[in-house]
């Protein structure tokens, strides 16, 4: 069984979190979204973009 996975990171997030996103990109079929100009607190700094991507992912 597989589970749809969405990974959202801020493009300006710490290098550790960006490496985790790269790992998922290379080792799974997860959908990876990088929000330009966002850091670790994407939900606070870019909520409209975050919710747009989550809603699009859920509706597919």
N, C-alpha and C. Protein backbone atom coordinates (compact mmCIF):
# COMPACT_ATOMS: atom_id res chain seq x y z
N UNK A 1 0.84 -1.17 0.00
CA UNK A 1 0.00 0.00 0.00
C UNK A 1 0.89 1.24 0.00
N UNK A 2 0.47 2.25 -0.71
CA UNK A 2 1.21 3.51 -0.71
C UNK A 2 0.30 4.62 -0.19
N UNK A 3 0.91 5.63 0.32
CA UNK A 3 0.18 6.77 0.84
C UNK A 3 0.68 8.02 0.14
N UNK A 4 -0.26 8.83 -0.32
CA UNK A 4 0.13 10.10 -0.92
C UNK A 4 0.80 10.95 0.15
N UNK A 5 1.91 11.56 -0.22
CA UNK A 5 2.67 12.36 0.73
C UNK A 5 2.98 13.72 0.12
N UNK A 6 2.75 14.76 0.91
CA UNK A 6 3.07 16.13 0.52
C UNK A 6 4.08 16.68 1.51
N UNK A 7 5.20 17.16 0.99
CA UNK A 7 6.23 17.79 1.82
C UNK A 7 6.32 19.25 1.39
N UNK A 8 6.09 20.15 2.33
CA UNK A 8 6.16 21.58 2.04
C UNK A 8 7.25 22.18 2.91
N UNK A 9 8.19 22.85 2.28
CA UNK A 9 9.26 23.52 3.01
C UNK A 9 9.42 24.94 2.47
N UNK A 10 9.91 25.80 3.33
CA UNK A 10 10.25 27.14 2.89
C UNK A 10 11.59 27.11 2.18
N UNK A 11 11.69 27.78 1.09
CA UNK A 11 12.94 27.82 0.32
C UNK A 11 14.09 28.39 1.16
N UNK A 12 13.76 29.21 2.16
CA UNK A 12 14.78 29.80 3.03
C UNK A 12 14.90 29.06 4.36
N UNK A 13 14.34 27.85 4.43
CA UNK A 13 14.39 27.05 5.65
C UNK A 13 15.82 26.59 5.92
N UNK A 14 16.04 25.99 7.08
CA UNK A 14 17.38 25.51 7.42
C UNK A 14 17.81 24.43 6.43
N UNK A 15 19.10 24.30 6.28
CA UNK A 15 19.62 23.31 5.33
C UNK A 15 19.21 21.90 5.72
N UNK A 16 19.02 21.62 7.02
CA UNK A 16 18.60 20.29 7.44
C UNK A 16 17.23 19.93 6.86
N UNK A 17 16.30 20.85 6.94
CA UNK A 17 14.96 20.58 6.42
C UNK A 17 14.97 20.47 4.90
N UNK A 18 15.78 21.25 4.25
CA UNK A 18 15.88 21.14 2.79
C UNK A 18 16.49 19.80 2.40
N UNK A 19 17.42 19.29 3.20
CA UNK A 19 17.99 17.96 2.93
C UNK A 19 16.94 16.86 3.11
N UNK A 20 16.07 17.02 4.09
CA UNK A 20 14.98 16.05 4.27
C UNK A 20 14.08 16.07 3.04
N UNK A 21 13.74 17.24 2.54
CA UNK A 21 12.92 17.33 1.33
C UNK A 21 13.63 16.67 0.16
N UNK A 22 14.94 16.89 0.04
CA UNK A 22 15.71 16.24 -1.03
C UNK A 22 15.68 14.73 -0.89
N UNK A 23 15.75 14.22 0.33
CA UNK A 23 15.69 12.78 0.56
C UNK A 23 14.36 12.23 0.05
N UNK A 24 13.26 12.88 0.41
CA UNK A 24 11.96 12.43 -0.06
C UNK A 24 11.87 12.51 -1.58
N UNK A 25 12.44 13.55 -2.15
CA UNK A 25 12.43 13.71 -3.61
C UNK A 25 13.14 12.55 -4.28
N UNK A 26 14.24 12.10 -3.71
CA UNK A 26 15.05 11.05 -4.31
C UNK A 26 14.57 9.64 -4.00
N UNK A 27 13.88 9.44 -2.87
CA UNK A 27 13.56 8.09 -2.43
C UNK A 27 12.07 7.77 -2.33
N UNK A 28 11.24 8.64 -2.84
CA UNK A 28 9.81 8.37 -2.78
C UNK A 28 9.11 9.08 -3.93
N UNK A 29 7.82 8.87 -3.98
CA UNK A 29 7.04 9.61 -4.98
C UNK A 29 6.27 10.75 -4.33
N UNK A 30 6.79 11.24 -3.21
CA UNK A 30 6.17 12.36 -2.51
C UNK A 30 6.19 13.60 -3.38
N UNK A 31 5.17 14.41 -3.22
CA UNK A 31 5.13 15.70 -3.89
C UNK A 31 5.86 16.70 -2.99
N UNK A 32 6.86 17.38 -3.54
CA UNK A 32 7.68 18.33 -2.79
C UNK A 32 7.34 19.74 -3.27
N UNK A 33 7.00 20.60 -2.34
CA UNK A 33 6.71 22.00 -2.65
C UNK A 33 7.68 22.86 -1.85
N UNK A 34 8.38 23.74 -2.53
CA UNK A 34 9.26 24.71 -1.87
C UNK A 34 8.64 26.10 -2.07
N UNK A 35 8.34 26.77 -0.96
CA UNK A 35 7.71 28.08 -1.02
C UNK A 35 8.81 29.15 -1.05
N UNK A 36 8.95 29.88 -2.16
CA UNK A 36 9.98 30.92 -2.25
C UNK A 36 9.76 32.01 -1.20
N UNK A 37 10.85 32.46 -0.60
CA UNK A 37 10.80 33.54 0.37
C UNK A 37 10.35 33.12 1.76
N UNK A 38 10.00 31.86 1.95
CA UNK A 38 9.52 31.38 3.24
C UNK A 38 10.65 30.66 3.99
N UNK A 39 10.57 30.75 5.32
CA UNK A 39 11.51 29.99 6.14
C UNK A 39 10.73 28.84 6.79
N UNK A 40 11.11 28.47 7.99
CA UNK A 40 10.51 27.31 8.66
C UNK A 40 9.04 27.54 9.04
N UNK A 41 8.64 28.76 9.22
CA UNK A 41 7.27 29.05 9.67
C UNK A 41 6.36 29.42 8.50
N UNK A 42 6.31 28.57 7.50
CA UNK A 42 5.52 28.82 6.29
C UNK A 42 4.07 29.11 6.66
N UNK A 43 3.54 28.40 7.63
CA UNK A 43 2.14 28.58 7.99
C UNK A 43 1.85 29.98 8.54
N UNK A 44 2.85 30.63 9.10
CA UNK A 44 2.66 31.98 9.63
C UNK A 44 3.01 33.07 8.62
N UNK A 45 4.03 32.82 7.81
CA UNK A 45 4.51 33.86 6.90
C UNK A 45 3.86 33.83 5.52
N UNK A 46 3.42 32.64 5.09
CA UNK A 46 2.84 32.49 3.76
C UNK A 46 1.61 31.57 3.80
N UNK A 47 0.65 31.85 4.67
CA UNK A 47 -0.48 30.93 4.84
C UNK A 47 -1.29 30.70 3.56
N UNK A 48 -1.46 31.75 2.76
CA UNK A 48 -2.27 31.59 1.55
C UNK A 48 -1.63 30.60 0.57
N UNK A 49 -0.32 30.64 0.44
CA UNK A 49 0.37 29.69 -0.45
C UNK A 49 0.32 28.29 0.13
N UNK A 50 0.52 28.18 1.43
CA UNK A 50 0.48 26.88 2.09
C UNK A 50 -0.89 26.22 1.88
N UNK A 51 -1.96 26.94 2.19
CA UNK A 51 -3.30 26.37 2.07
C UNK A 51 -3.66 26.08 0.62
N UNK A 52 -3.19 26.89 -0.29
CA UNK A 52 -3.42 26.63 -1.72
C UNK A 52 -2.84 25.26 -2.12
N UNK A 53 -1.62 25.00 -1.70
CA UNK A 53 -0.97 23.73 -2.05
C UNK A 53 -1.60 22.55 -1.33
N UNK A 54 -1.97 22.73 -0.07
CA UNK A 54 -2.62 21.64 0.66
C UNK A 54 -3.98 21.32 0.03
N UNK A 55 -4.77 22.33 -0.26
CA UNK A 55 -6.08 22.08 -0.87
C UNK A 55 -5.96 21.40 -2.23
N UNK A 56 -5.00 21.85 -3.04
CA UNK A 56 -4.78 21.21 -4.33
C UNK A 56 -4.36 19.76 -4.20
N UNK A 57 -3.55 19.47 -3.20
CA UNK A 57 -3.09 18.11 -2.97
C UNK A 57 -4.24 17.21 -2.52
N UNK A 58 -5.06 17.72 -1.62
CA UNK A 58 -6.18 16.92 -1.09
C UNK A 58 -7.22 16.64 -2.17
N UNK A 59 -7.44 17.60 -3.05
CA UNK A 59 -8.49 17.45 -4.06
C UNK A 59 -8.11 16.51 -5.20
N UNK A 60 -6.83 16.19 -5.33
CA UNK A 60 -6.39 15.28 -6.40
C UNK A 60 -6.74 13.86 -6.09
